[in-house]
Amino acid sequence: MHLAGSGRVIIQLSTELVEGQILCDEKGTRVAKVNEMIGPVSRPFASATPLTNNIKKYIGKSVFASQESPANKPKKFRRRK
């Protein structure tokens, strides 16, 4: 994980992810949300928005994709009365 000048984090991926997927640390803490995929297909990178104020403590550490992606989650709705 690398912190870019724009405030986003750049992550080298081992597998391809979808946009909107949440990245967590080994404890399950939500760290970042994937915005876009960049780079060659053989070595993809992801640009992500940090979800924590203290993102600097995660720089250089491994992050993992959460099992359930919010991009694939069905939306809940409330009925008007």
Protein backbone atom coordinates (compact mmCIF):
# COMPACT_ATOMS: atom_id res chain seq x y z
CA MET A 1 0.00 0.00 0.00
CA HIS A 2 1.26 3.44 -0.95
CA LEU A 3 -0.18 6.86 -0.11
CA ALA A 4 -0.45 9.08 -3.20
CA GLY A 5 -0.26 12.86 -3.13
CA SER A 6 -3.98 13.11 -3.88
CA GLY A 7 -4.83 11.35 -0.59
CA ARG A 8 -5.79 8.06 -2.24
CA VAL A 9 -3.94 4.82 -1.60
CA ILE A 10 -2.41 2.69 -4.35
CA ILE A 11 -2.47 -1.07 -3.78
CA GLN A 12 -0.75 -3.79 -5.80
CA LEU A 13 -3.21 -6.64 -6.28
CA SER A 14 -2.72 -10.39 -6.44
CA THR A 15 -6.25 -10.93 -7.79
CA GLU A 16 -8.62 -8.71 -9.72
CA LEU A 17 -11.21 -6.81 -7.69
CA VAL A 18 -14.37 -4.94 -8.60
CA GLU A 19 -14.88 -1.24 -8.08
CA GLY A 20 -16.60 -0.52 -4.79
CA GLN A 21 -15.05 -3.47 -2.95
CA ILE A 22 -13.94 -2.87 0.64
CA LEU A 23 -10.37 -3.69 1.72
CA CYS A 24 -9.68 -4.79 5.32
CA ASP A 25 -6.61 -5.46 7.45
CA GLU A 26 -5.91 -8.80 9.15
CA LYS A 27 -8.19 -7.87 12.09
CA GLY A 28 -11.12 -7.08 9.82
CA THR A 29 -10.93 -3.29 10.16
CA ARG A 30 -12.22 -1.53 7.05
CA VAL A 31 -9.27 0.38 5.57
CA ALA A 32 -10.14 1.49 2.02
CA LYS A 33 -12.72 1.31 -0.77
CA VAL A 34 -11.58 0.53 -4.34
CA ASN A 35 -12.35 3.35 -6.81
CA GLU A 36 -10.66 2.19 -9.99
CA MET A 37 -8.31 -0.40 -11.43
CA ILE A 38 -5.10 0.85 -13.05
CA GLY A 39 -2.03 -0.64 -14.67
CA PRO A 40 -1.45 -3.69 -16.85
CA VAL A 41 -3.65 -6.76 -16.56
CA SER A 42 -0.67 -8.95 -15.66
CA ARG A 43 0.16 -6.77 -12.59
CA PRO A 44 -2.96 -4.79 -11.63
CA PHE A 45 -3.07 -1.93 -9.16
CA ALA A 46 -6.08 -0.36 -7.48
CA SER A 47 -6.66 3.24 -6.54
CA ALA A 48 -8.70 3.39 -3.33
CA THR A 49 -10.20 5.97 -1.00
CA PRO A 50 -9.16 5.63 2.66
CA LEU A 51 -11.97 4.83 5.11
CA THR A 52 -9.95 5.71 8.21
CA ASN A 53 -8.34 8.94 9.38
CA ASN A 54 -5.14 7.17 10.41
CA ILE A 55 -4.28 5.62 7.02
CA LYS A 56 -0.52 6.15 7.54
CA LYS A 57 -0.31 3.22 9.99
CA TYR A 58 -1.45 0.85 7.21
CA ILE A 59 1.14 1.99 4.64
CA GLY A 60 3.41 -0.90 3.66
CA LYS A 61 1.11 -3.54 5.18
CA SER A 62 -1.06 -6.15 3.50
CA VAL A 63 -4.78 -5.65 3.11
CA PHE A 64 -7.43 -8.17 2.11
CA ALA A 65 -10.67 -7.94 0.17
CA SER A 66 -13.80 -8.38 2.23
CA GLN A 67 -15.95 -11.37 1.35
CA GLU A 68 -19.09 -9.37 0.68
CA SER A 69 -18.79 -6.54 -1.81
CA PRO A 70 -21.11 -3.56 -1.39
CA ALA A 71 -21.26 -3.28 -5.18
CA ASN A 72 -23.06 -6.64 -5.33
CA LYS A 73 -25.23 -6.19 -2.24
CA PRO A 74 -28.95 -5.74 -2.91
CA LYS A 75 -30.26 -2.33 -1.91
CA LYS A 76 -32.70 -2.09 0.97
CA PHE A 77 -35.70 0.17 0.65
CA ARG A 78 -38.39 1.51 2.91
CA ARG A 79 -41.99 1.73 1.97
CA ARG A 80 -43.70 5.10 2.27
CA LYS A 81 -46.63 5.27 4.63
